[in-house]
C-alpha atoms as a PDB file:
ATOM      1  CA  MET A   1       0.000   0.000   0.000  1.00  0.00           C
ATOM      2  CA  VAL A   2       1.276   3.465  -0.912  1.00  0.00           C
ATOM      3  CA  LYS A   3       1.549   6.055   1.854  1.00  0.00           C
ATOM      4  CA  VAL A   4       0.416   9.573   0.927  1.00  0.00           C
ATOM      5  CA  LEU A   5       2.758  12.138   2.451  1.00  0.00           C
ATOM      6  CA  ILE A   6       1.337  15.648   2.699  1.00  0.00           C
ATOM      7  CA  ASP A   7       3.494  18.758   2.907  1.00  0.00           C
ATOM      8  CA  ASN A   8       1.952  22.088   3.875  1.00  0.00           C
ATOM      9  CA  GLY A   9       4.019  24.926   2.496  1.00  0.00           C
ATOM     10  CA  HIS A  10       5.781  27.608   4.528  1.00  0.00           C
ATOM     11  CA  GLY A  11       5.475  28.574   8.182  1.00  0.00           C
ATOM     12  CA  ALA A  12       4.195  31.333  10.455  1.00  0.00           C
ATOM     13  CA  ASN A  13       7.645  32.922  10.320  1.00  0.00           C
ATOM     14  CA  THR A  14       7.869  32.974   6.485  1.00  0.00           C
ATOM     15  CA  PRO A  15       7.774  36.622   5.320  1.00  0.00           C
ATOM     16  CA  GLY A  16       4.976  37.663   2.966  1.00  0.00           C
ATOM     17  CA  LYS A  17       2.908  34.741   1.683  1.00  0.00           C
ATOM     18  CA  ARG A  18      -0.446  36.380   2.388  1.00  0.00           C
ATOM     19  CA  SER A  19      -3.296  38.192   0.664  1.00  0.00           C
ATOM     20  CA  PRO A  20      -2.948  41.984   0.360  1.00  0.00           C
ATOM     21  CA  ASP A  21      -5.671  42.460   2.993  1.00  0.00           C
ATOM     22  CA  GLY A  22      -4.055  39.899   5.326  1.00  0.00           C
ATOM     23  CA  ARG A  23      -7.160  37.663   5.493  1.00  0.00           C
ATOM     24  CA  LEU A  24      -5.404  34.664   3.957  1.00  0.00           C
ATOM     25  CA  ARG A  25      -2.006  33.542   5.267  1.00  0.00           C
ATOM     26  CA  GLU A  26      -0.585  30.769   3.125  1.00  0.00           C
ATOM     27  CA  TYR A  27       1.031  28.814   5.967  1.00  0.00           C
ATOM     28  CA  ALA A  28      -2.249  28.657   7.941  1.00  0.00           C
ATOM     29  CA  TYR A  29      -4.383  27.880   4.899  1.00  0.00           C
ATOM     30  CA  ALA A  30      -2.046  25.133   3.642  1.00  0.00           C
ATOM     31  CA  ARG A  31      -1.990  23.530   7.105  1.00  0.00           C
ATOM     32  CA  GLU A  32      -5.775  23.565   7.374  1.00  0.00           C
ATOM     33  CA  ILE A  33      -6.161  21.962   3.934  1.00  0.00           C
ATOM     34  CA  ALA A  34      -3.409  19.417   4.709  1.00  0.00           C
ATOM     35  CA  GLU A  35      -5.085  18.422   7.992  1.00  0.00           C
ATOM     36  CA  ARG A  36      -8.463  18.046   6.303  1.00  0.00           C
ATOM     37  CA  LEU A  37      -6.930  16.082   3.431  1.00  0.00           C
ATOM     38  CA  GLU A  38      -5.141  13.722   5.808  1.00  0.00           C
ATOM     39  CA  CYS A  39      -8.425  13.114   7.656  1.00  0.00           C
ATOM     40  CA  GLU A  40     -10.466  12.543   4.472  1.00  0.00           C
ATOM     41  CA  LEU A  41      -7.927  10.128   3.004  1.00  0.00           C
ATOM     42  CA  ARG A  42      -7.806   8.140   6.250  1.00  0.00           C
ATOM     43  CA  LYS A  43     -11.615   7.937   6.278  1.00  0.00           C
ATOM     44  CA  ARG A  44     -11.281   6.176   2.914  1.00  0.00           C
ATOM     45  CA  GLY A  45      -8.738   3.707   4.265  1.00  0.00           C
ATOM     46  CA  ILE A  46      -5.747   5.429   2.661  1.00  0.00           C
ATOM     47  CA  ASP A  47      -2.573   5.696   4.726  1.00  0.00           C
ATOM     48  CA  ALA A  48      -1.836   9.430   4.894  1.00  0.00           C
ATOM     49  CA  GLU A  49       0.469  11.540   7.019  1.00  0.00           C
ATOM     50  CA  ARG A  50       1.490  15.189   7.180  1.00  0.00           C
ATOM     51  CA  ILE A  51       5.265  15.585   7.203  1.00  0.00           C
ATOM     52  CA  VAL A  52       5.213  19.067   8.760  1.00  0.00           C
ATOM     53  CA  LYS A  53       3.257  19.525  11.957  1.00  0.00           C
ATOM     54  CA  GLU A  54       5.257  22.521  13.198  1.00  0.00           C
ATOM     55  CA  GLU A  55       3.831  26.040  12.861  1.00  0.00           C
ATOM     56  CA  THR A  56       7.214  27.556  12.013  1.00  0.00           C
ATOM     57  CA  ASP A  57       8.851  26.962   8.662  1.00  0.00           C
ATOM     58  CA  VAL A  58      10.736  23.700   8.309  1.00  0.00           C
ATOM     59  CA  PRO A  59      13.718  23.942   5.920  1.00  0.00           C
ATOM     60  CA  LEU A  60      13.282  22.204   2.570  1.00  0.00           C
ATOM     61  CA  ALA A  61      16.227  19.883   3.239  1.00  0.00           C
ATOM     62  CA  GLU A  62      14.493  18.645   6.402  1.00  0.00           C
ATOM     63  CA  ARG A  63      11.181  18.197   4.574  1.00  0.00           C
ATOM     64  CA  VAL A  64      12.974  16.133   1.925  1.00  0.00           C
ATOM     65  CA  ARG A  65      14.747  14.076   4.609  1.00  0.00           C
ATOM     66  CA  ARG A  66      11.378  13.253   6.208  1.00  0.00           C
ATOM     67  CA  VAL A  67       9.943  12.160   2.858  1.00  0.00           C
ATOM     68  CA  ASN A  68      13.007  10.117   1.934  1.00  0.00           C
ATOM     69  CA  GLU A  69      12.661   8.039   5.103  1.00  0.00           C
ATOM     70  CA  TYR A  70      10.089   6.089   3.076  1.00  0.00           C
ATOM     71  CA  LYS A  71      10.959   3.800   0.179  1.00  0.00           C
ATOM     72  CA  ALA A  72      10.302   5.515  -3.140  1.00  0.00           C
ATOM     73  CA  SER A  73       7.991   2.698  -4.246  1.00  0.00           C
ATOM     74  CA  GLU A  74       5.905   2.972  -1.075  1.00  0.00           C
ATOM     75  CA  ALA A  75       5.092   6.697  -0.961  1.00  0.00           C
ATOM     76  CA  VAL A  76       3.902   9.724  -2.903  1.00  0.00           C
ATOM     77  CA  LEU A  77       4.210  13.356  -1.843  1.00  0.00           C
ATOM     78  CA  VAL A  78       1.695  16.156  -2.306  1.00  0.00           C
ATOM     79  CA  SER A  79       2.931  19.622  -1.301  1.00  0.00           C
ATOM     80  CA  ILE A  80       0.100  22.124  -0.818  1.00  0.00           C
ATOM     81  CA  HIS A  81       0.524  25.842  -1.553  1.00  0.00           C
ATOM     82  CA  VAL A  82      -1.395  28.938  -2.653  1.00  0.00           C
ATOM     83  CA  ASN A  83      -0.066  30.829  -5.664  1.00  0.00           C
ATOM     84  CA  ALA A  84       0.764  34.537  -5.999  1.00  0.00           C
ATOM     85  CA  ALA A  85       1.202  36.739  -9.053  1.00  0.00           C
ATOM     86  CA  GLY A  86       2.969  39.532  -7.176  1.00  0.00           C
ATOM     87  CA  MET A  87       4.611  40.388  -3.875  1.00  0.00           C
ATOM     88  CA  GLY A  88       1.367  40.373  -1.881  1.00  0.00           C
ATOM     89  CA  ASP A  89       1.070  44.135  -1.592  1.00  0.00           C
ATOM     90  CA  GLU A  90      -1.677  44.617  -4.190  1.00  0.00           C
ATOM     91  CA  TRP A  91      -4.474  42.659  -5.831  1.00  0.00           C
ATOM     92  CA  LYS A  92      -3.692  41.011  -9.168  1.00  0.00           C
ATOM     93  CA  GLN A  93      -5.752  39.433 -11.958  1.00  0.00           C
ATOM     94  CA  ALA A  94      -4.078  35.998 -12.275  1.00  0.00           C
ATOM     95  CA  ARG A  95      -6.374  33.091 -11.397  1.00  0.00           C
ATOM     96  CA  GLY A  96      -6.498  29.341 -11.512  1.00  0.00           C
ATOM     97  CA  TRP A  97      -5.248  26.046 -10.144  1.00  0.00           C
ATOM     98  CA  GLU A  98      -2.019  24.361 -11.183  1.00  0.00           C
ATOM     99  CA  CYS A  99       0.242  21.433 -10.338  1.00  0.00           C
ATOM    100  CA  TRP A 100       4.027  21.160 -10.637  1.00  0.00           C
ATOM    101  CA  THR A 101       6.339  18.187 -11.150  1.00  0.00           C
ATOM    102  CA  SER A 102      10.076  17.936 -11.739  1.00  0.00           C
ATOM    103  CA  PRO A 103      11.244  18.117 -15.392  1.00  0.00           C
ATOM    104  CA  GLY A 104      11.024  15.089 -17.663  1.00  0.00           C
ATOM    105  CA  ARG A 105       8.737  12.079 -17.707  1.00  0.00           C
ATOM    106  CA  THR A 106       8.258  10.861 -14.144  1.00  0.00           C
ATOM    107  CA  LYS A 107       5.750   8.816 -12.156  1.00  0.00           C
ATOM    108  CA  ALA A 108       4.603  12.109 -10.663  1.00  0.00           C
ATOM    109  CA  ASP A 109       3.172  13.100 -14.069  1.00  0.00           C
ATOM    110  CA  ARG A 110       0.388  10.518 -13.635  1.00  0.00           C
ATOM    111  CA  LEU A 111      -0.482  11.878 -10.187  1.00  0.00           C
ATOM    112  CA  ALA A 112      -0.494  15.425 -11.537  1.00  0.00           C
ATOM    113  CA  THR A 113      -2.781  14.411 -14.420  1.00  0.00           C
ATOM    114  CA  CYS A 114      -5.225  12.779 -11.983  1.00  0.00           C
ATOM    115  CA  LEU A 115      -5.252  15.979  -9.922  1.00  0.00           C
ATOM    116  CA  TYR A 116      -5.850  18.101 -13.042  1.00  0.00           C
ATOM    117  CA  ASP A 117      -8.732  15.805 -14.056  1.00  0.00           C
ATOM    118  CA  ALA A 118     -10.274  16.292 -10.597  1.00  0.00           C
ATOM    119  CA  ALA A 119      -9.771  20.068 -10.754  1.00  0.00           C
ATOM    120  CA  ARG A 120     -11.511  20.281 -14.133  1.00  0.00           C
ATOM    121  CA  ALA A 121     -14.344  18.003 -12.965  1.00  0.00           C
ATOM    122  CA  LEU A 122     -14.953  20.347 -10.028  1.00  0.00           C
ATOM    123  CA  GLY A 123     -15.081  23.372 -12.327  1.00  0.00           C
ATOM    124  CA  PHE A 124     -11.743  24.971 -11.475  1.00  0.00           C
ATOM    125  CA  LYS A 125      -9.980  27.086 -14.082  1.00  0.00           C
ATOM    126  CA  THR A 126      -6.683  25.279 -14.607  1.00  0.00           C
ATOM    127  CA  ARG A 127      -3.306  26.651 -15.639  1.00  0.00           C
ATOM    128  CA  GLU A 128      -1.572  24.052 -17.803  1.00  0.00           C
ATOM    129  CA  ASP A 129       1.554  23.425 -19.844  1.00  0.00           C
ATOM    130  CA  THR A 130       0.748  20.740 -22.412  1.00  0.00           C
ATOM    131  CA  THR A 131       3.940  21.104 -24.475  1.00  0.00           C
ATOM    132  CA  ASP A 132       5.154  17.672 -23.317  1.00  0.00           C
ATOM    133  CA  GLY A 133       1.788  15.929 -23.671  1.00  0.00           C
ATOM    134  CA  ASP A 134       0.497  16.292 -20.113  1.00  0.00           C
ATOM    135  CA  PRO A 135      -0.993  19.249 -18.224  1.00  0.00           C
ATOM    136  CA  ASP A 136       1.470  19.697 -15.351  1.00  0.00           C
ATOM    137  CA  LYS A 137       3.978  22.493 -15.120  1.00  0.00           C
ATOM    138  CA  GLU A 138       7.575  21.474 -14.609  1.00  0.00           C
ATOM    139  CA  GLY A 139      10.302  23.129 -12.578  1.00  0.00           C
ATOM    140  CA  HIS A 140      13.406  22.549 -10.515  1.00  0.00           C
ATOM    141  CA  LEU A 141      11.569  22.997  -7.212  1.00  0.00           C
ATOM    142  CA  TYR A 142      13.728  21.671  -4.386  1.00  0.00           C
ATOM    143  CA  ILE A 143      11.129  19.448  -2.755  1.00  0.00           C
ATOM    144  CA  LEU A 144      10.218  17.848  -6.080  1.00  0.00           C
ATOM    145  CA  LYS A 145      13.773  17.480  -7.306  1.00  0.00           C
ATOM    146  CA  HIS A 146      15.263  15.885  -4.188  1.00  0.00           C
ATOM    147  CA  THR A 147      12.550  13.494  -3.003  1.00  0.00           C
ATOM    148  CA  ARG A 148      12.891   9.925  -4.228  1.00  0.00           C
ATOM    149  CA  CYS A 149       9.169   9.145  -4.436  1.00  0.00           C
ATOM    150  CA  PRO A 150       6.739  10.639  -6.969  1.00  0.00           C
ATOM    151  CA  ALA A 151       6.109  14.215  -5.813  1.00  0.00           C
ATOM    152  CA  VAL A 152       3.825  17.054  -6.901  1.00  0.00           C
ATOM    153  CA  LEU A 153       3.286  20.592  -5.671  1.00  0.00           C
ATOM    154  CA  THR A 154      -0.187  22.074  -6.008  1.00  0.00           C
ATOM    155  CA  GLU A 155      -0.812  25.822  -6.270  1.00  0.00           C
ATOM    156  CA  ASN A 156      -4.393  26.250  -5.106  1.00  0.00           C
ATOM    157  CA  LEU A 157      -5.590  29.465  -6.735  1.00  0.00           C
ATOM    158  CA  PHE A 158      -4.088  32.905  -6.024  1.00  0.00           C
ATOM    159  CA  GLN A 159      -3.716  34.624  -2.673  1.00  0.00           C
ATOM    160  CA  ASP A 160      -3.484  38.006  -4.427  1.00  0.00           C
ATOM    161  CA  ASN A 161      -6.691  37.649  -6.448  1.00  0.00           C
ATOM    162  CA  ARG A 162      -9.706  38.956  -4.537  1.00  0.00           C
ATOM    163  CA  GLU A 163     -12.200  36.441  -6.029  1.00  0.00           C
ATOM    164  CA  ASP A 164      -9.856  33.501  -5.402  1.00  0.00           C
ATOM    165  CA  VAL A 165      -9.299  34.584  -1.791  1.00  0.00           C
ATOM    166  CA  ASP A 166     -13.047  34.873  -1.195  1.00  0.00           C
ATOM    167  CA  LEU A 167     -13.503  31.349  -2.558  1.00  0.00           C
ATOM    168  CA  LEU A 168     -10.517  29.878  -0.704  1.00  0.00           C
ATOM    169  CA  LEU A 169     -11.703  31.242   2.638  1.00  0.00           C
ATOM    170  CA  SER A 170     -15.310  30.094   2.219  1.00  0.00           C
ATOM    171  CA  ALA A 171     -16.467  26.788   3.674  1.00  0.00           C
ATOM    172  CA  ALA A 172     -17.455  25.592   0.193  1.00  0.00           C
ATOM    173  CA  GLY A 173     -14.114  26.652  -1.260  1.00  0.00           C
ATOM    174  CA  LYS A 174     -12.104  24.813   1.389  1.00  0.00           C
ATOM    175  CA  ALA A 175     -14.241  21.707   0.906  1.00  0.00           C
ATOM    176  CA  SER A 176     -13.739  21.820  -2.866  1.00  0.00           C
ATOM    177  CA  ILE A 177      -9.936  22.170  -2.582  1.00  0.00           C
ATOM    178  CA  VAL A 178      -9.848  19.161  -0.257  1.00  0.00           C
ATOM    179  CA  GLU A 179     -12.207  17.216  -2.546  1.00  0.00           C
ATOM    180  CA  LEU A 180     -10.007  18.015  -5.561  1.00  0.00           C
ATOM    181  CA  HIS A 181      -6.999  16.488  -3.801  1.00  0.00           C
ATOM    182  CA  VAL A 182      -8.934  13.486  -2.485  1.00  0.00           C
ATOM    183  CA  LYS A 183     -10.382  12.685  -5.925  1.00  0.00           C
ATOM    184  CA  GLY A 184      -7.049  13.139  -7.694  1.00  0.00           C
ATOM    185  CA  ILE A 185      -5.083  11.072  -5.193  1.00  0.00           C
ATOM    186  CA  THR A 186      -7.624   8.232  -5.015  1.00  0.00           C
ATOM    187  CA  SER A 187      -7.817   8.096  -8.814  1.00  0.00           C
ATOM    188  CA  PHE A 188      -4.018   7.869  -8.994  1.00  0.00           C
ATOM    189  CA  LEU A 189      -3.891   5.140  -6.345  1.00  0.00           C
ATOM    190  CA  MET A 190      -6.567   3.103  -8.136  1.00  0.00           C
ATOM    191  CA  LYS A 191      -4.672   3.371 -11.452  1.00  0.00           C
ATOM    192  CA  ASN A 192      -1.442   2.533  -9.649  1.00  0.00           C
ATOM    193  CA  ASP A 193      -2.999  -0.737  -8.402  1.00  0.00           C
ATOM    194  CA  GLU A 194      -4.009  -1.819 -11.913  1.00  0.00           C
END
């Protein structure tokens, strides 16, 4: 059985990382979504665990070390974040949901595709890069590049878009972000068992 490791981005001491009006703080939002996701996956009989339970920021090298304690074939990592188009000092127009993997064809691409399918099914505007045949965006993000297991990083709308912040902070919005992750992860796990 594959263990789902959940990373909630940033910490209370990370500068910036908030909406211009201060209502949404990325570290708090990511932790709330990660806790809910862990609970929902466990309700479905899926082994899930958050790798960061601290409120302060945990260095990326330590996050990677915690993930790499598990065999690559026995775990997947989902790192939860909220995107930003600017420095957090003014509202911007960028919107949408996106998922990142490391460059090249990896097992994480399948997980990312399942998450994109769930996002579209739930009516989210998605931000995609289909130049390599799949929708995920690729980058040399430390946590994706240095973990041995398949790893994705989700950017759950924009903390500097007023409409996105209103949705993210609503009960329905939080539930839909959790549902997106649950549906995407369970779909991936079912395909992985085939």
